[in-house]
PDB file of N, CA and C in Angstrom:
ATOM      1  N   MET A   1       4.445   9.726 -15.874  1.00  0.00           N
ATOM      2  CA  MET A   1       5.201  10.953 -15.685  1.00  0.00           C
ATOM      3  C   MET A   1       5.019  11.500 -14.271  1.00  0.00           C
ATOM      4  N   ARG A   2       3.827  11.269 -13.715  1.00  0.00           N
ATOM      5  CA  ARG A   2       3.568  11.783 -12.370  1.00  0.00           C
ATOM      6  C   ARG A   2       4.483  11.111 -11.357  1.00  0.00           C
ATOM      7  N   LEU A   3       4.774   9.841 -11.541  1.00  0.00           N
ATOM      8  CA  LEU A   3       5.639   9.141 -10.602  1.00  0.00           C
ATOM      9  C   LEU A   3       7.082   9.623 -10.687  1.00  0.00           C
ATOM     10  N   VAL A   4       7.471  10.163 -11.836  1.00  0.00           N
ATOM     11  CA  VAL A   4       8.819  10.713 -11.979  1.00  0.00           C
ATOM     12  C   VAL A   4       8.976  11.915 -11.050  1.00  0.00           C
ATOM     13  N   TRP A   5       7.957  12.773 -11.005  1.00  0.00           N
ATOM     14  CA  TRP A   5       8.009  13.936 -10.108  1.00  0.00           C
ATOM     15  C   TRP A   5       8.053  13.492  -8.654  1.00  0.00           C
ATOM     16  N   LEU A   6       7.285  12.502  -8.314  1.00  0.00           N
ATOM     17  CA  LEU A   6       7.274  11.993  -6.945  1.00  0.00           C
ATOM     18  C   LEU A   6       8.637  11.403  -6.582  1.00  0.00           C
ATOM     19  N   ALA A   7       9.231  10.672  -7.483  1.00  0.00           N
ATOM     20  CA  ALA A   7      10.554  10.100  -7.228  1.00  0.00           C
ATOM     21  C   ALA A   7      11.616  11.185  -7.097  1.00  0.00           C
ATOM     22  N   ALA A   8      11.532  12.206  -7.935  1.00  0.00           N
ATOM     23  CA  ALA A   8      12.528  13.279  -7.891  1.00  0.00           C
ATOM     24  C   ALA A   8      12.474  14.044  -6.572  1.00  0.00           C
ATOM     25  N   ILE A   9      11.294  14.397  -6.129  1.00  0.00           N
ATOM     26  CA  ILE A   9      11.196  15.144  -4.872  1.00  0.00           C
ATOM     27  C   ILE A   9      11.531  14.237  -3.687  1.00  0.00           C
ATOM     28  N   SER A  10      11.272  12.954  -3.808  1.00  0.00           N
ATOM     29  CA  SER A  10      11.642  12.029  -2.741  1.00  0.00           C
ATOM     30  C   SER A  10      13.157  11.921  -2.605  1.00  0.00           C
ATOM     31  N   VAL A  11      13.851  11.856  -3.730  1.00  0.00           N
ATOM     32  CA  VAL A  11      15.316  11.808  -3.696  1.00  0.00           C
ATOM     33  C   VAL A  11      15.869  13.094  -3.092  1.00  0.00           C
ATOM     34  N   LEU A  12      15.314  14.230  -3.487  1.00  0.00           N
ATOM     35  CA  LEU A  12      15.744  15.512  -2.931  1.00  0.00           C
ATOM     36  C   LEU A  12      15.545  15.542  -1.422  1.00  0.00           C
ATOM     37  N   THR A  13      14.429  15.054  -0.948  1.00  0.00           N
ATOM     38  CA  THR A  13      14.138  15.051   0.480  1.00  0.00           C
ATOM     39  C   THR A  13      15.092  14.135   1.243  1.00  0.00           C
ATOM     40  N   VAL A  14      15.403  12.989   0.678  1.00  0.00           N
ATOM     41  CA  VAL A  14      16.342  12.075   1.332  1.00  0.00           C
ATOM     42  C   VAL A  14      17.729  12.714   1.421  1.00  0.00           C
ATOM     43  N   VAL A  15      18.151  13.365   0.349  1.00  0.00           N
ATOM     44  CA  VAL A  15      19.457  14.047   0.369  1.00  0.00           C
ATOM     45  C   VAL A  15      19.459  15.157   1.420  1.00  0.00           C
ATOM     46  N   MET A  16      18.378  15.908   1.497  1.00  0.00           N
ATOM     47  CA  MET A  16      18.284  16.965   2.514  1.00  0.00           C
ATOM     48  C   MET A  16      18.338  16.377   3.922  1.00  0.00           C
ATOM     49  N   ALA A  17      17.648  15.266   4.124  1.00  0.00           N
ATOM     50  CA  ALA A  17      17.647  14.642   5.443  1.00  0.00           C
ATOM     51  C   ALA A  17      19.037  14.138   5.823  1.00  0.00           C
ATOM     52  N   VAL A  18      19.780  13.643   4.849  1.00  0.00           N
ATOM     53  CA  VAL A  18      21.136  13.169   5.117  1.00  0.00           C
ATOM     54  C   VAL A  18      22.044  14.326   5.528  1.00  0.00           C
ATOM     55  N   PHE A  19      21.887  15.469   4.887  1.00  0.00           N
ATOM     56  CA  PHE A  19      22.740  16.619   5.179  1.00  0.00           C
ATOM     57  C   PHE A  19      22.260  17.462   6.359  1.00  0.00           C
ATOM     58  N   THR A  20      21.098  17.160   6.916  1.00  0.00           N
ATOM     59  CA  THR A  20      20.556  17.962   8.017  1.00  0.00           C
ATOM     60  C   THR A  20      21.486  18.025   9.233  1.00  0.00           C
ATOM     61  N   PRO A  21      22.062  16.933   9.709  1.00  0.00           N
ATOM     62  CA  PRO A  21      22.968  17.053  10.865  1.00  0.00           C
ATOM     63  C   PRO A  21      24.160  17.983  10.600  1.00  0.00           C
ATOM     64  N   HIS A  22      24.711  17.918   9.394  1.00  0.00           N
ATOM     65  CA  HIS A  22      25.830  18.794   9.037  1.00  0.00           C
ATOM     66  C   HIS A  22      25.388  20.262   9.047  1.00  0.00           C
ATOM     67  N   VAL A  23      24.223  20.529   8.502  1.00  0.00           N
ATOM     68  CA  VAL A  23      23.715  21.907   8.459  1.00  0.00           C
ATOM     69  C   VAL A  23      23.465  22.418   9.872  1.00  0.00           C
ATOM     70  N   LEU A  24      22.894  21.590  10.721  1.00  0.00           N
ATOM     71  CA  LEU A  24      22.596  22.027  12.082  1.00  0.00           C
ATOM     72  C   LEU A  24      23.873  22.310  12.876  1.00  0.00           C
ATOM     73  N   ARG A  25      24.961  21.579  12.571  1.00  0.00           N
ATOM     74  CA  ARG A  25      26.226  21.807  13.274  1.00  0.00           C
ATOM     75  C   ARG A  25      26.972  23.031  12.774  1.00  0.00           C
ATOM     76  N   THR A  26      26.918  23.284  11.479  1.00  0.00           N
ATOM     77  CA  THR A  26      27.811  24.273  10.899  1.00  0.00           C
ATOM     78  C   THR A  26      27.170  25.620  10.584  1.00  0.00           C
ATOM     79  N   GLU A  27      25.876  25.673  10.430  1.00  0.00           N
ATOM     80  CA  GLU A  27      25.240  26.916  10.006  1.00  0.00           C
ATOM     81  C   GLU A  27      24.664  27.676  11.195  1.00  0.00           C
ATOM     82  N   SER A  28      24.333  28.934  10.957  1.00  0.00           N
ATOM     83  CA  SER A  28      23.727  29.756  12.005  1.00  0.00           C
ATOM     84  C   SER A  28      22.303  29.277  12.287  1.00  0.00           C
ATOM     85  N   THR A  29      21.743  29.786  13.345  1.00  0.00           N
ATOM     86  CA  THR A  29      20.394  29.371  13.748  1.00  0.00           C
ATOM     87  C   THR A  29      19.366  29.719  12.682  1.00  0.00           C
ATOM     88  N   GLY A  30      19.502  30.901  12.103  1.00  0.00           N
ATOM     89  CA  GLY A  30      18.559  31.314  11.061  1.00  0.00           C
ATOM     90  C   GLY A  30      18.615  30.423   9.838  1.00  0.00           C
ATOM     91  N   LYS A  31      19.820  30.109   9.393  1.00  0.00           N
ATOM     92  CA  LYS A  31      19.964  29.238   8.228  1.00  0.00           C
ATOM     93  C   LYS A  31      19.509  27.815   8.538  1.00  0.00           C
ATOM     94  N   ALA A  32      19.790  27.356   9.754  1.00  0.00           N
ATOM     95  CA  ALA A  32      19.343  26.011  10.140  1.00  0.00           C
ATOM     96  C   ALA A  32      17.817  25.951  10.205  1.00  0.00           C
ATOM     97  N   ALA A  33      17.193  27.012  10.701  1.00  0.00           N
ATOM     98  CA  ALA A  33      15.725  27.055  10.756  1.00  0.00           C
ATOM     99  C   ALA A  33      15.135  27.060   9.344  1.00  0.00           C
ATOM    100  N   ALA A  34      15.755  27.808   8.448  1.00  0.00           N
ATOM    101  CA  ALA A  34      15.294  27.829   7.063  1.00  0.00           C
ATOM    102  C   ALA A  34      15.445  26.453   6.415  1.00  0.00           C
ATOM    103  N   TRP A  35      16.555  25.777   6.708  1.00  0.00           N
ATOM    104  CA  TRP A  35      16.790  24.426   6.180  1.00  0.00           C
ATOM    105  C   TRP A  35      15.698  23.462   6.675  1.00  0.00           C
ATOM    106  N   LEU A  36      15.400  23.527   7.970  1.00  0.00           N
ATOM    107  CA  LEU A  36      14.369  22.639   8.518  1.00  0.00           C
ATOM    108  C   LEU A  36      12.996  22.963   7.946  1.00  0.00           C
ATOM    109  N   PHE A  37      12.739  24.245   7.686  1.00  0.00           N
ATOM    110  CA  PHE A  37      11.471  24.638   7.067  1.00  0.00           C
ATOM    111  C   PHE A  37      11.371  24.065   5.653  1.00  0.00           C
ATOM    112  N   MET A  38      12.447  24.155   4.882  1.00  0.00           N
ATOM    113  CA  MET A  38      12.445  23.592   3.529  1.00  0.00           C
ATOM    114  C   MET A  38      12.276  22.076   3.573  1.00  0.00           C
ATOM    115  N   LEU A  39      12.899  21.423   4.532  1.00  0.00           N
ATOM    116  CA  LEU A  39      12.755  19.976   4.664  1.00  0.00           C
ATOM    117  C   LEU A  39      11.308  19.607   4.992  1.00  0.00           C
ATOM    118  N   ALA A  40      10.693  20.351   5.892  1.00  0.00           N
ATOM    119  CA  ALA A  40       9.290  20.099   6.237  1.00  0.00           C
ATOM    120  C   ALA A  40       8.372  20.333   5.033  1.00  0.00           C
ATOM    121  N   CYS A  41       8.663  21.366   4.258  1.00  0.00           N
ATOM    122  CA  CYS A  41       7.866  21.625   3.052  1.00  0.00           C
ATOM    123  C   CYS A  41       8.036  20.512   2.022  1.00  0.00           C
ATOM    124  N   ALA A  42       9.225  19.985   1.893  1.00  0.00           N
ATOM    125  CA  ALA A  42       9.460  18.887   0.956  1.00  0.00           C
ATOM    126  C   ALA A  42       8.693  17.639   1.379  1.00  0.00           C
ATOM    127  N   VAL A  43       8.689  17.352   2.672  1.00  0.00           N
ATOM    128  CA  VAL A  43       7.927  16.197   3.171  1.00  0.00           C
ATOM    129  C   VAL A  43       6.429  16.411   2.936  1.00  0.00           C
ATOM    130  N   ALA A  44       5.948  17.624   3.174  1.00  0.00           N
ATOM    131  CA  ALA A  44       4.533  17.932   2.929  1.00  0.00           C
ATOM    132  C   ALA A  44       4.195  17.810   1.447  1.00  0.00           C
ATOM    133  N   ALA A  45       5.113  18.216   0.574  1.00  0.00           N
ATOM    134  CA  ALA A  45       4.874  18.089  -0.865  1.00  0.00           C
ATOM    135  C   ALA A  45       4.799  16.624  -1.279  1.00  0.00           C
ATOM    136  N   ILE A  46       5.647  15.793  -0.698  1.00  0.00           N
ATOM    137  CA  ILE A  46       5.585  14.360  -0.998  1.00  0.00           C
ATOM    138  C   ILE A  46       4.232  13.791  -0.583  1.00  0.00           C
ATOM    139  N   ALA A  47       3.788  14.155   0.602  1.00  0.00           N
ATOM    140  CA  ALA A  47       2.481  13.677   1.069  1.00  0.00           C
ATOM    141  C   ALA A  47       1.365  14.152   0.141  1.00  0.00           C
ATOM    142  N   ALA A  48       1.438  15.403  -0.314  1.00  0.00           N
ATOM    143  CA  ALA A  48       0.419  15.930  -1.222  1.00  0.00           C
ATOM    144  C   ALA A  48       0.463  15.216  -2.568  1.00  0.00           C
ATOM    145  N   PHE A  49       1.667  14.954  -3.093  1.00  0.00           N
ATOM    146  CA  PHE A  49       1.780  14.233  -4.364  1.00  0.00           C
ATOM    147  C   PHE A  49       1.242  12.814  -4.252  1.00  0.00           C
ATOM    148  N   ILE A  50       1.526  12.146  -3.149  1.00  0.00           N
ATOM    149  CA  ILE A  50       1.017  10.782  -2.962  1.00  0.00           C
ATOM    150  C   ILE A  50      -0.503  10.799  -2.883  1.00  0.00           C
ATOM    151  N   ARG A  51      -1.050  11.750  -2.138  1.00  0.00           N
ATOM    152  CA  ARG A  51      -2.517  11.855  -2.009  1.00  0.00           C
ATOM    153  C   ARG A  51      -3.149  12.154  -3.371  1.00  0.00           C
ATOM    154  N   ALA A  52      -2.554  13.069  -4.123  1.00  0.00           N
ATOM    155  CA  ALA A  52      -3.087  13.397  -5.440  1.00  0.00           C
ATOM    156  C   ALA A  52      -3.003  12.197  -6.379  1.00  0.00           C
ATOM    157  N   GLU A  53      -1.906  11.463  -6.320  1.00  0.00           N
ATOM    158  CA  GLU A  53      -1.757  10.281  -7.170  1.00  0.00           C
ATOM    159  C   GLU A  53      -2.834   9.246  -6.849  1.00  0.00           C
ATOM    160  N   LEU A  54      -3.078   9.028  -5.561  1.00  0.00           N
ATOM    161  CA  LEU A  54      -4.120   8.068  -5.180  1.00  0.00           C
ATOM    162  C   LEU A  54      -5.497   8.517  -5.640  1.00  0.00           C
ATOM    163  N   LEU A  55      -5.792   9.812  -5.492  1.00  0.00           N
ATOM    164  CA  LEU A  55      -7.081  10.331  -5.937  1.00  0.00           C
ATOM    165  C   LEU A  55      -7.232  10.245  -7.453  1.00  0.00           C
ATOM    166  N   LEU A  56      -6.174  10.562  -8.188  1.00  0.00           N
ATOM    167  CA  LEU A  56      -6.241  10.481  -9.642  1.00  0.00           C
ATOM    168  C   LEU A  56      -6.421   9.043 -10.113  1.00  0.00           C
ATOM    169  N   ARG A  57      -5.754   8.114  -9.462  1.00  0.00           N
ATOM    170  CA  ARG A  57      -5.940   6.704  -9.851  1.00  0.00           C
ATOM    171  C   ARG A  57      -7.367   6.248  -9.574  1.00  0.00           C
ATOM    172  N   ARG A  58      -7.932   6.703  -8.451  1.00  0.00           N
ATOM    173  CA  ARG A  58      -9.312   6.330  -8.141  1.00  0.00           C
ATOM    174  C   ARG A  58     -10.267   6.929  -9.176  1.00  0.00           C
ATOM    175  N   LEU A  59     -10.038   8.180  -9.572  1.00  0.00           N
ATOM    176  CA  LEU A  59     -10.889   8.806 -10.580  1.00  0.00           C
ATOM    177  C   LEU A  59     -10.745   8.117 -11.932  1.00  0.00           C
ATOM    178  N   GLU A  60      -9.540   7.759 -12.313  1.00  0.00           N
ATOM    179  CA  GLU A  60      -9.337   7.065 -13.577  1.00  0.00           C
ATOM    180  C   GLU A  60      -9.985   5.690 -13.559  1.00  0.00           C
ATOM    181  N   GLY A  61      -9.947   5.033 -12.424  1.00  0.00           N
ATOM    182  CA  GLY A  61     -10.596   3.729 -12.304  1.00  0.00           C
ATOM    183  C   GLY A  61     -12.105   3.839 -12.399  1.00  0.00           C
ATOM    184  N   ASP A  62     -12.682   4.888 -11.783  1.00  0.00           N
ATOM    185  CA  ASP A  62     -14.122   5.095 -11.860  1.00  0.00           C
ATOM    186  C   ASP A  62     -14.557   5.434 -13.275  1.00  0.00           C
ATOM    187  N   THR A  63     -13.761   6.166 -14.006  1.00  0.00           N
ATOM    188  CA  THR A  63     -14.098   6.546 -15.377  1.00  0.00           C
ATOM    189  C   THR A  63     -14.161   5.319 -16.264  1.00  0.00           C
ATOM    190  N   HIS A  64     -13.225   4.410 -16.108  1.00  0.00           N
ATOM    191  CA  HIS A  64     -13.207   3.230 -16.958  1.00  0.00           C
ATOM    192  C   HIS A  64     -14.303   2.238 -16.569  1.00  0.00           C
ATOM    193  N   SER A  65     -14.756   2.237 -15.336  1.00  0.00           N
ATOM    194  CA  SER A  65     -15.782   1.297 -14.919  1.00  0.00           C
ATOM    195  C   SER A  65     -17.178   1.735 -15.367  1.00  0.00           C
ATOM    196  N   ASP A  66     -17.362   3.001 -15.738  1.00  0.00           N
ATOM    197  CA  ASP A  66     -18.677   3.493 -16.168  1.00  0.00           C
ATOM    198  C   ASP A  66     -18.979   3.158 -17.617  1.00  0.00           C
ATOM    199  N   VAL A  67     -17.997   2.732 -18.352  1.00  0.00           N
ATOM    200  CA  VAL A  67     -18.202   2.429 -19.781  1.00  0.00           C
ATOM    201  C   VAL A  67     -19.010   1.140 -19.891  1.00  0.00           C
ATOM    202  N   SER A  68     -20.124   1.229 -20.608  1.00  0.00           N
ATOM    203  CA  SER A  68     -20.973   0.037 -20.765  1.00  0.00           C
ATOM    204  C   SER A  68     -20.419  -0.851 -21.858  1.00  0.00           C
ATOM    205  N   GLU A  69     -20.512  -2.123 -21.601  1.00  0.00           N
ATOM    206  CA  GLU A  69     -20.031  -3.094 -22.597  1.00  0.00           C
ATOM    207  C   GLU A  69     -21.210  -3.537 -23.439  1.00  0.00           C
ATOM    208  N   THR A  70     -21.133  -3.234 -24.741  1.00  0.00           N
ATOM    209  CA  THR A  70     -22.247  -3.615 -25.626  1.00  0.00           C
ATOM    210  C   THR A  70     -21.800  -4.561 -26.694  1.00  0.00           C
TER     211      THR A  70
END
């Protein structure tokens, strides 16, 4: 389920990046700045989700390796 969230925000970010040139041409400076801020936040969220996913996988791997086989 965690990868679904990562995929969804990644698709949103790609769509935003595709529309960025259009927004920069047609919108006012304030709206364009807000658009770029949202795009930067989306990229930062993707990086945070990837980092969290890697940390969670490492923790899950450590948990399973501590189980003694008897």
